[in-house]
Amino acid sequence: MNKIGAFFKRLKENPGFISVVSSLISILIGVFLGFILLLVLKPESALDGISNMLLTGVSSLEKIGKVFYTAMPIMLTGLSVAFAFKTGLFNIGAAGQYVIGVGAALYLALQFHMPWYICLIAAIVCAAIVGGISGALKAYFNVNEVISCIMLNWIGLYSVNM
């Protein structure tokens, strides 16, 4: 067997590669089904609609920046969930931790006119404290982390809303 064939054989057996390919196939199927739905609902505008959906966010540097600006909190929250999942825990409290962090940063920025880097550090510390509460409840009292995270989500939401 030549080197290229061996490379592709190893690639097909790699779980990471399979995961990426299956994600890309899922995205393509979703776009295809969306296009079919556009064709059913309004055939004359289906091509314009699908091209707008796919290309509007990357049509200029300003729009690419806005996409990253809008998506970054979601990506970082997903990263925090993935990190907890790799340790064997299920962090369903990421939304509450995000809200508490944002609330702390906004409070320091608006009330005390702190610079952005102090607000960022405060957001990280406050969100970590909320995550630590669930971790401590699991470690010391064997409380299910899913239940404590869900309850802390609501506590965080209502605290920030106050």
N, C-alpha and C. Protein backbone atom coordinates (compact mmCIF):
# COMPACT_ATOMS: atom_id res chain seq x y z
N MET A 1 0.86 -1.18 0.00
CA MET A 1 0.00 0.00 0.00
C MET A 1 0.90 1.24 0.00
N ASN A 2 0.57 2.20 -0.82
CA ASN A 2 1.40 3.39 -0.89
C ASN A 2 1.12 4.33 0.30
N LYS A 3 1.92 5.36 0.41
CA LYS A 3 1.81 6.27 1.56
C LYS A 3 0.51 7.04 1.56
N ILE A 4 0.03 7.41 0.40
CA ILE A 4 -1.22 8.18 0.33
C ILE A 4 -2.39 7.31 0.78
N GLY A 5 -2.43 6.06 0.33
CA GLY A 5 -3.49 5.15 0.75
C GLY A 5 -3.47 4.90 2.25
N ALA A 6 -2.27 4.76 2.83
CA ALA A 6 -2.15 4.56 4.27
C ALA A 6 -2.60 5.80 5.02
N PHE A 7 -2.28 6.98 4.46
CA PHE A 7 -2.69 8.24 5.09
C PHE A 7 -4.20 8.33 5.14
N PHE A 8 -4.87 8.04 4.01
CA PHE A 8 -6.32 8.12 3.98
C PHE A 8 -6.96 7.06 4.86
N LYS A 9 -6.34 5.91 4.98
CA LYS A 9 -6.87 4.87 5.86
C LYS A 9 -6.82 5.32 7.31
N ARG A 10 -5.68 5.91 7.72
CA ARG A 10 -5.56 6.44 9.09
C ARG A 10 -6.53 7.59 9.31
N LEU A 11 -6.72 8.42 8.29
CA LEU A 11 -7.62 9.56 8.39
C LEU A 11 -9.06 9.10 8.61
N LYS A 12 -9.47 8.06 7.87
CA LYS A 12 -10.83 7.55 8.02
C LYS A 12 -11.07 6.91 9.38
N GLU A 13 -10.02 6.46 10.03
CA GLU A 13 -10.16 5.83 11.35
C GLU A 13 -10.03 6.84 12.49
N ASN A 14 -9.68 8.06 12.18
CA ASN A 14 -9.50 9.10 13.19
C ASN A 14 -10.85 9.64 13.62
N PRO A 15 -11.21 9.55 14.93
CA PRO A 15 -12.53 10.03 15.38
C PRO A 15 -12.70 11.53 15.20
N GLY A 16 -11.63 12.30 15.31
CA GLY A 16 -11.73 13.75 15.13
C GLY A 16 -12.11 14.10 13.70
N PHE A 17 -11.48 13.41 12.75
CA PHE A 17 -11.78 13.65 11.34
C PHE A 17 -13.23 13.26 11.05
N ILE A 18 -13.66 12.14 11.57
CA ILE A 18 -15.04 11.70 11.36
C ILE A 18 -16.02 12.71 11.94
N SER A 19 -15.70 13.27 13.10
CA SER A 19 -16.55 14.27 13.72
C SER A 19 -16.66 15.53 12.88
N VAL A 20 -15.53 16.00 12.36
CA VAL A 20 -15.54 17.21 11.52
C VAL A 20 -16.31 16.97 10.23
N VAL A 21 -16.07 15.83 9.60
CA VAL A 21 -16.76 15.53 8.34
C VAL A 21 -18.26 15.39 8.58
N SER A 22 -18.66 14.74 9.65
CA SER A 22 -20.10 14.59 9.91
C SER A 22 -20.73 15.95 10.22
N SER A 23 -20.00 16.84 10.89
CA SER A 23 -20.53 18.19 11.12
C SER A 23 -20.70 18.95 9.82
N LEU A 24 -19.71 18.86 8.94
CA LEU A 24 -19.81 19.55 7.65
C LEU A 24 -20.95 18.98 6.80
N ILE A 25 -21.12 17.68 6.83
CA ILE A 25 -22.23 17.06 6.09
C ILE A 25 -23.56 17.53 6.65
N SER A 26 -23.66 17.64 7.97
CA SER A 26 -24.90 18.12 8.60
C SER A 26 -25.20 19.56 8.18
N ILE A 27 -24.17 20.39 8.13
CA ILE A 27 -24.36 21.78 7.70
C ILE A 27 -24.84 21.82 6.26
N LEU A 28 -24.21 21.05 5.39
CA LEU A 28 -24.61 21.03 3.98
C LEU A 28 -26.04 20.53 3.81
N ILE A 29 -26.42 19.51 4.57
CA ILE A 29 -27.80 19.02 4.50
C ILE A 29 -28.77 20.09 4.97
N GLY A 30 -28.42 20.81 6.03
CA GLY A 30 -29.27 21.89 6.52
C GLY A 30 -29.44 23.01 5.51
N VAL A 31 -28.35 23.40 4.86
CA VAL A 31 -28.43 24.44 3.83
C VAL A 31 -29.26 23.95 2.65
N PHE A 32 -29.07 22.70 2.27
CA PHE A 32 -29.84 22.14 1.16
C PHE A 32 -31.33 22.10 1.49
N LEU A 33 -31.68 21.65 2.70
CA LEU A 33 -33.09 21.61 3.09
C LEU A 33 -33.68 23.02 3.20
N GLY A 34 -32.88 23.97 3.65
CA GLY A 34 -33.33 25.36 3.70
C GLY A 34 -33.61 25.89 2.30
N PHE A 35 -32.74 25.54 1.36
CA PHE A 35 -32.95 25.95 -0.02
C PHE A 35 -34.22 25.33 -0.59
N ILE A 36 -34.45 24.06 -0.28
CA ILE A 36 -35.68 23.39 -0.74
C ILE A 36 -36.90 24.09 -0.15
N LEU A 37 -36.83 24.45 1.13
CA LEU A 37 -37.94 25.17 1.77
C LEU A 37 -38.17 26.52 1.11
N LEU A 38 -37.09 27.23 0.79
CA LEU A 38 -37.23 28.50 0.07
C LEU A 38 -37.86 28.29 -1.30
N LEU A 39 -37.47 27.21 -1.98
CA LEU A 39 -38.07 26.92 -3.29
C LEU A 39 -39.56 26.65 -3.18
N VAL A 40 -39.98 25.98 -2.12
CA VAL A 40 -41.40 25.68 -1.94
C VAL A 40 -42.18 26.94 -1.60
N LEU A 41 -41.61 27.79 -0.73
CA LEU A 41 -42.35 28.96 -0.27
C LEU A 41 -42.36 30.10 -1.29
N LYS A 42 -41.21 30.39 -1.88
CA LYS A 42 -41.13 31.51 -2.82
C LYS A 42 -40.05 31.21 -3.86
N PRO A 43 -40.39 30.45 -4.90
CA PRO A 43 -39.39 29.97 -5.85
C PRO A 43 -38.62 31.09 -6.56
N GLU A 44 -39.28 32.22 -6.83
CA GLU A 44 -38.62 33.27 -7.59
C GLU A 44 -37.51 33.97 -6.79
N SER A 45 -37.56 33.89 -5.47
CA SER A 45 -36.55 34.55 -4.64
C SER A 45 -35.64 33.57 -3.91
N ALA A 46 -35.74 32.29 -4.22
CA ALA A 46 -34.99 31.28 -3.47
C ALA A 46 -33.50 31.43 -3.64
N LEU A 47 -33.04 31.69 -4.87
CA LEU A 47 -31.61 31.84 -5.11
C LEU A 47 -31.04 33.07 -4.40
N ASP A 48 -31.79 34.19 -4.47
CA ASP A 48 -31.36 35.39 -3.76
C ASP A 48 -31.35 35.17 -2.26
N GLY A 49 -32.36 34.48 -1.76
CA GLY A 49 -32.45 34.22 -0.32
C GLY A 49 -31.31 33.38 0.20
N ILE A 50 -30.99 32.30 -0.50
CA ILE A 50 -29.92 31.43 -0.02
C ILE A 50 -28.56 32.12 -0.16
N SER A 51 -28.37 32.91 -1.20
CA SER A 51 -27.10 33.62 -1.34
C SER A 51 -26.97 34.70 -0.27
N ASN A 52 -28.07 35.37 0.07
CA ASN A 52 -28.02 36.35 1.16
C ASN A 52 -27.69 35.69 2.49
N MET A 53 -28.30 34.53 2.74
CA MET A 53 -28.02 33.82 3.99
C MET A 53 -26.56 33.42 4.10
N LEU A 54 -25.99 32.94 3.01
CA LEU A 54 -24.64 32.41 3.05
C LEU A 54 -23.57 33.49 2.93
N LEU A 55 -23.84 34.59 2.25
CA LEU A 55 -22.78 35.54 1.93
C LEU A 55 -22.86 36.88 2.65
N THR A 56 -23.98 37.22 3.26
CA THR A 56 -24.11 38.54 3.87
C THR A 56 -23.11 38.75 5.00
N GLY A 57 -22.90 37.76 5.83
CA GLY A 57 -22.00 37.90 6.97
C GLY A 57 -20.53 38.01 6.61
N VAL A 58 -20.18 37.65 5.38
CA VAL A 58 -18.77 37.71 4.96
C VAL A 58 -18.57 38.63 3.77
N SER A 59 -19.51 39.54 3.50
CA SER A 59 -19.41 40.39 2.32
C SER A 59 -18.47 41.57 2.49
N SER A 60 -18.13 41.93 3.73
CA SER A 60 -17.17 43.02 3.96
C SER A 60 -16.46 42.76 5.28
N LEU A 61 -15.34 43.45 5.48
CA LEU A 61 -14.60 43.29 6.73
C LEU A 61 -15.42 43.74 7.93
N GLU A 62 -16.22 44.79 7.75
CA GLU A 62 -17.06 45.26 8.84
C GLU A 62 -18.08 44.20 9.26
N LYS A 63 -18.67 43.54 8.29
CA LYS A 63 -19.66 42.50 8.60
C LYS A 63 -19.01 41.26 9.21
N ILE A 64 -17.80 40.92 8.76
CA ILE A 64 -17.08 39.80 9.36
C ILE A 64 -16.77 40.12 10.83
N GLY A 65 -16.35 41.36 11.08
CA GLY A 65 -16.10 41.79 12.46
C GLY A 65 -17.35 41.73 13.31
N LYS A 66 -18.48 42.12 12.75
CA LYS A 66 -19.74 42.07 13.50
C LYS A 66 -20.15 40.62 13.80
N VAL A 67 -19.90 39.73 12.85
CA VAL A 67 -20.20 38.31 13.09
C VAL A 67 -19.38 37.80 14.27
N PHE A 68 -18.07 38.09 14.27
CA PHE A 68 -17.22 37.65 15.38
C PHE A 68 -17.61 38.34 16.68
N TYR A 69 -17.95 39.62 16.62
CA TYR A 69 -18.36 40.36 17.80
C TYR A 69 -19.61 39.75 18.42
N THR A 70 -20.54 39.36 17.57
CA THR A 70 -21.80 38.78 18.06
C THR A 70 -21.62 37.33 18.50
N ALA A 71 -20.79 36.58 17.80
CA ALA A 71 -20.65 35.15 18.07
C ALA A 71 -19.66 34.83 19.17
N MET A 72 -18.76 35.74 19.51
CA MET A 72 -17.70 35.42 20.46
C MET A 72 -18.22 34.98 21.84
N PRO A 73 -19.20 35.67 22.43
CA PRO A 73 -19.70 35.17 23.73
C PRO A 73 -20.27 33.76 23.65
N ILE A 74 -20.94 33.45 22.55
CA ILE A 74 -21.50 32.11 22.39
C ILE A 74 -20.38 31.08 22.25
N MET A 75 -19.35 31.43 21.48
CA MET A 75 -18.23 30.49 21.29
C MET A 75 -17.49 30.26 22.61
N LEU A 76 -17.27 31.33 23.37
CA LEU A 76 -16.55 31.17 24.64
C LEU A 76 -17.39 30.40 25.66
N THR A 77 -18.70 30.61 25.65
CA THR A 77 -19.56 29.84 26.54
C THR A 77 -19.55 28.37 26.14
N GLY A 78 -19.56 28.10 24.84
CA GLY A 78 -19.46 26.72 24.37
C GLY A 78 -18.13 26.09 24.75
N LEU A 79 -17.06 26.88 24.71
CA LEU A 79 -15.75 26.39 25.13
C LEU A 79 -15.75 26.02 26.60
N SER A 80 -16.42 26.81 27.41
CA SER A 80 -16.48 26.49 28.84
C SER A 80 -17.25 25.20 29.09
N VAL A 81 -18.30 24.98 28.33
CA VAL A 81 -19.07 23.74 28.46
C VAL A 81 -18.23 22.55 28.00
N ALA A 82 -17.49 22.72 26.91
CA ALA A 82 -16.63 21.64 26.41
C ALA A 82 -15.54 21.30 27.41
N PHE A 83 -14.98 22.31 28.07
CA PHE A 83 -13.94 22.07 29.07
C PHE A 83 -14.49 21.25 30.23
N ALA A 84 -15.67 21.62 30.72
CA ALA A 84 -16.28 20.86 31.81
C ALA A 84 -16.62 19.44 31.37
N PHE A 85 -17.09 19.31 30.15
CA PHE A 85 -17.45 17.99 29.63
C PHE A 85 -16.23 17.08 29.54
N LYS A 86 -15.07 17.64 29.16
CA LYS A 86 -13.84 16.85 29.09
C LYS A 86 -13.40 16.35 30.45
N THR A 87 -13.78 17.04 31.52
CA THR A 87 -13.42 16.60 32.87
C THR A 87 -14.43 15.61 33.43
N GLY A 88 -15.48 15.33 32.67
CA GLY A 88 -16.47 14.36 33.12
C GLY A 88 -17.68 14.99 33.79
N LEU A 89 -17.79 16.30 33.75
CA LEU A 89 -18.93 16.99 34.34
C LEU A 89 -19.81 17.56 33.23
N PHE A 90 -21.03 17.86 33.59
CA PHE A 90 -21.98 18.43 32.64
C PHE A 90 -22.33 19.82 33.13
N ASN A 91 -21.80 20.85 32.48
CA ASN A 91 -22.02 22.23 32.92
C ASN A 91 -23.20 22.82 32.18
N ILE A 92 -24.36 22.69 32.80
CA ILE A 92 -25.54 23.30 32.21
C ILE A 92 -25.70 24.72 32.75
N GLY A 93 -24.77 25.16 33.59
CA GLY A 93 -24.83 26.49 34.20
C GLY A 93 -24.05 27.54 33.45
N ALA A 94 -23.61 27.25 32.24
CA ALA A 94 -22.80 28.22 31.50
C ALA A 94 -23.57 29.50 31.22
N ALA A 95 -24.85 29.41 30.96
CA ALA A 95 -25.65 30.61 30.69
C ALA A 95 -25.70 31.51 31.92
N GLY A 96 -25.90 30.92 33.08
CA GLY A 96 -25.93 31.70 34.31
C GLY A 96 -24.57 32.31 34.63
N GLN A 97 -23.51 31.56 34.39
CA GLN A 97 -22.17 32.07 34.63
C GLN A 97 -21.88 33.23 33.68
N TYR A 98 -22.32 33.11 32.45
CA TYR A 98 -22.15 34.19 31.48
C TYR A 98 -22.90 35.43 31.93
N VAL A 99 -24.15 35.26 32.37
CA VAL A 99 -24.96 36.40 32.80
C VAL A 99 -24.34 37.09 34.02
N ILE A 100 -23.87 36.30 34.97
CA ILE A 100 -23.23 36.89 36.15
C ILE A 100 -21.96 37.64 35.75
N GLY A 101 -21.16 37.07 34.89
CA GLY A 101 -19.94 37.74 34.43
C GLY A 101 -20.24 39.04 33.72
N VAL A 102 -21.21 39.02 32.82
CA VAL A 102 -21.60 40.23 32.10
C VAL A 102 -22.16 41.27 33.06
N GLY A 103 -22.97 40.81 34.01
CA GLY A 103 -23.53 41.74 34.99
C GLY A 103 -22.45 42.41 35.82
N ALA A 104 -21.46 41.64 36.25
CA ALA A 104 -20.36 42.21 37.04
C ALA A 104 -19.57 43.21 36.21
N ALA A 105 -19.28 42.86 34.96
CA ALA A 105 -18.52 43.77 34.09
C ALA A 105 -19.30 45.06 33.83
N LEU A 106 -20.58 44.93 33.55
CA LEU A 106 -21.39 46.12 33.31
C LEU A 106 -21.52 46.99 34.56
N TYR A 107 -21.68 46.36 35.70
CA TYR A 107 -21.80 47.12 36.93
C TYR A 107 -20.53 47.94 37.20
N LEU A 108 -19.38 47.31 37.06
CA LEU A 108 -18.13 48.04 37.27
C LEU A 108 -17.92 49.13 36.22
N ALA A 109 -18.30 48.85 34.99
CA ALA A 109 -18.10 49.84 33.93
C ALA A 109 -19.03 51.03 34.08
N LEU A 110 -20.30 50.77 34.38
CA LEU A 110 -21.27 51.86 34.44
C LEU A 110 -21.27 52.60 35.78
N GLN A 111 -21.10 51.87 36.86
CA GLN A 111 -21.17 52.48 38.18
C GLN A 111 -19.85 53.13 38.60
N PHE A 112 -18.74 52.46 38.32
CA PHE A 112 -17.44 52.93 38.79
C PHE A 112 -16.52 53.39 37.67
N HIS A 113 -16.96 53.34 36.43
CA HIS A 113 -16.18 53.79 35.26
C HIS A 113 -14.80 53.13 35.21
N MET A 114 -14.78 51.82 35.45
CA MET A 114 -13.54 51.06 35.40
C MET A 114 -13.13 50.81 33.95
N PRO A 115 -11.83 50.64 33.69
CA PRO A 115 -11.40 50.32 32.32
C PRO A 115 -11.83 48.90 31.94
N TRP A 116 -11.80 48.63 30.63
CA TRP A 116 -12.33 47.37 30.11
C TRP A 116 -11.61 46.16 30.67
N TYR A 117 -10.29 46.24 30.88
CA TYR A 117 -9.55 45.07 31.34
C TYR A 117 -9.89 44.73 32.79
N ILE A 118 -10.20 45.72 33.62
CA ILE A 118 -10.65 45.44 34.99
C ILE A 118 -12.03 44.79 34.95
N CYS A 119 -12.89 45.28 34.08
CA CYS A 119 -14.23 44.70 33.93
C CYS A 119 -14.15 43.27 33.44
N LEU A 120 -13.22 43.00 32.52
CA LEU A 120 -13.04 41.64 32.01
C LEU A 120 -12.57 40.70 33.12
N ILE A 121 -11.62 41.15 33.92
CA ILE A 121 -11.13 40.32 35.03
C ILE A 121 -12.25 40.08 36.04
N ALA A 122 -13.05 41.10 36.31
CA ALA A 122 -14.18 40.95 37.24
C ALA A 122 -15.20 39.95 36.70
N ALA A 123 -15.45 40.00 35.40
CA ALA A 123 -16.40 39.05 34.79
C ALA A 123 -15.89 37.63 34.93
N ILE A 124 -14.60 37.43 34.69
CA ILE A 124 -14.03 36.09 34.79
C ILE A 124 -14.10 35.59 36.23
N VAL A 125 -13.74 36.44 37.18
CA VAL A 125 -13.73 36.04 38.59
C VAL A 125 -15.15 35.73 39.08
N CYS A 126 -16.10 36.59 38.76
CA CYS A 126 -17.48 36.36 39.22
C CYS A 126 -18.09 35.10 38.59
N ALA A 127 -17.84 34.90 37.31
CA ALA A 127 -18.37 33.68 36.66
C ALA A 127 -17.70 32.44 37.23
N ALA A 128 -16.41 32.54 37.54
CA ALA A 128 -15.71 31.40 38.14
C ALA A 128 -16.23 31.10 39.54
N ILE A 129 -16.57 32.12 40.28
CA ILE A 129 -17.13 31.91 41.62
C ILE A 129 -18.46 31.18 41.52
N VAL A 130 -19.30 31.58 40.59
CA VAL A 130 -20.59 30.91 40.41
C VAL A 130 -20.38 29.46 40.00
N GLY A 131 -19.44 29.22 39.07
CA GLY A 131 -19.13 27.84 38.69
C GLY A 131 -18.53 27.06 39.85
N GLY A 132 -17.74 27.75 40.67
CA GLY A 132 -17.15 27.11 41.85
C GLY A 132 -18.17 26.70 42.89
N ILE A 133 -19.26 27.44 42.96
CA ILE A 133 -20.32 27.08 43.91
C ILE A 133 -20.89 25.71 43.53
N SER A 134 -21.18 25.52 42.25
CA SER A 134 -21.68 24.21 41.81
C SER A 134 -20.64 23.12 42.04
N GLY A 135 -19.39 23.43 41.76
CA GLY A 135 -18.32 22.46 41.99
C GLY A 135 -18.17 22.10 43.45
N ALA A 136 -18.26 23.10 44.32
CA ALA A 136 -18.14 22.83 45.76
C ALA A 136 -19.33 22.02 46.26
N LEU A 137 -20.52 22.33 45.78
CA LEU A 137 -21.69 21.55 46.18
C LEU A 137 -21.56 20.10 45.75
N LYS A 138 -20.99 19.87 44.55
CA LYS A 138 -20.78 18.50 44.07
C LYS A 138 -19.70 17.80 44.89
N ALA A 139 -18.61 18.51 45.16
CA ALA A 139 -17.47 17.89 45.84
C ALA A 139 -17.75 17.60 47.31
N TYR A 140 -18.37 18.53 48.00
CA TYR A 140 -18.52 18.39 49.45
C TYR A 140 -19.85 17.78 49.89
N PHE A 141 -20.91 17.98 49.09
CA PHE A 141 -22.22 17.50 49.51
C PHE A 141 -22.85 16.53 48.51
N ASN A 142 -22.11 16.18 47.43
CA ASN A 142 -22.57 15.28 46.40
C ASN A 142 -23.92 15.70 45.80
N VAL A 143 -24.09 17.02 45.63
CA VAL A 143 -25.29 17.56 45.00
C VAL A 143 -25.11 17.42 43.49
N ASN A 144 -26.15 17.00 42.82
CA ASN A 144 -26.09 16.84 41.36
C ASN A 144 -25.79 18.20 40.73
N GLU A 145 -24.72 18.25 39.92
CA GLU A 145 -24.28 19.52 39.33
C GLU A 145 -25.28 20.09 38.34
N VAL A 146 -26.08 19.24 37.70
CA VAL A 146 -27.08 19.74 36.76
C VAL A 146 -28.14 20.54 37.51
N ILE A 147 -28.61 20.02 38.64
CA ILE A 147 -29.63 20.71 39.42
C ILE A 147 -29.09 22.01 39.99
N SER A 148 -27.90 21.95 40.58
CA SER A 148 -27.36 23.18 41.17
C SER A 148 -27.05 24.22 40.10
N CYS A 149 -26.59 23.79 38.94
CA CYS A 149 -26.32 24.75 37.86
C CYS A 149 -27.60 25.41 37.36
N ILE A 150 -28.66 24.62 37.20
CA ILE A 150 -29.92 25.19 36.74
C ILE A 150 -30.44 26.20 37.76
N MET A 151 -30.36 25.86 39.03
CA MET A 151 -30.84 26.79 40.05
C MET A 151 -29.98 28.05 40.10
N LEU A 152 -28.67 27.89 39.93
CA LEU A 152 -27.79 29.07 39.92
C LEU A 152 -28.00 29.91 38.66
N ASN A 153 -28.44 29.30 37.57
CA ASN A 153 -28.79 30.08 36.38
C ASN A 153 -29.88 31.10 36.71
N TRP A 154 -30.90 30.61 37.39
CA TRP A 154 -32.01 31.51 37.73
C TRP A 154 -31.60 32.55 38.76
N ILE A 155 -30.81 32.15 39.72
CA ILE A 155 -30.31 33.11 40.72
C ILE A 155 -29.50 34.19 40.01
N GLY A 156 -28.63 33.79 39.09
CA GLY A 156 -27.83 34.76 38.34
C GLY A 156 -28.69 35.68 37.51
N LEU A 157 -29.68 35.11 36.81
CA LEU A 157 -30.54 35.93 35.97
C LEU A 157 -31.29 36.98 36.78
N TYR A 158 -31.90 36.56 37.87
CA TYR A 158 -32.67 37.51 38.68
C TYR A 158 -31.77 38.49 39.42
N SER A 159 -30.58 38.08 39.79
CA SER A 159 -29.65 39.01 40.44
C SER A 159 -29.22 40.11 39.47
N VAL A 160 -28.92 39.74 38.26
CA VAL A 160 -28.50 40.74 37.27
C VAL A 160 -29.69 41.63 36.87
N ASN A 161 -30.87 41.05 36.80
CA ASN A 161 -32.06 41.86 36.47
C ASN A 161 -32.38 42.89 37.54
N MET A 162 -32.03 42.58 38.79
CA MET A 162 -32.26 43.57 39.87
C MET A 162 -31.41 44.80 39.64
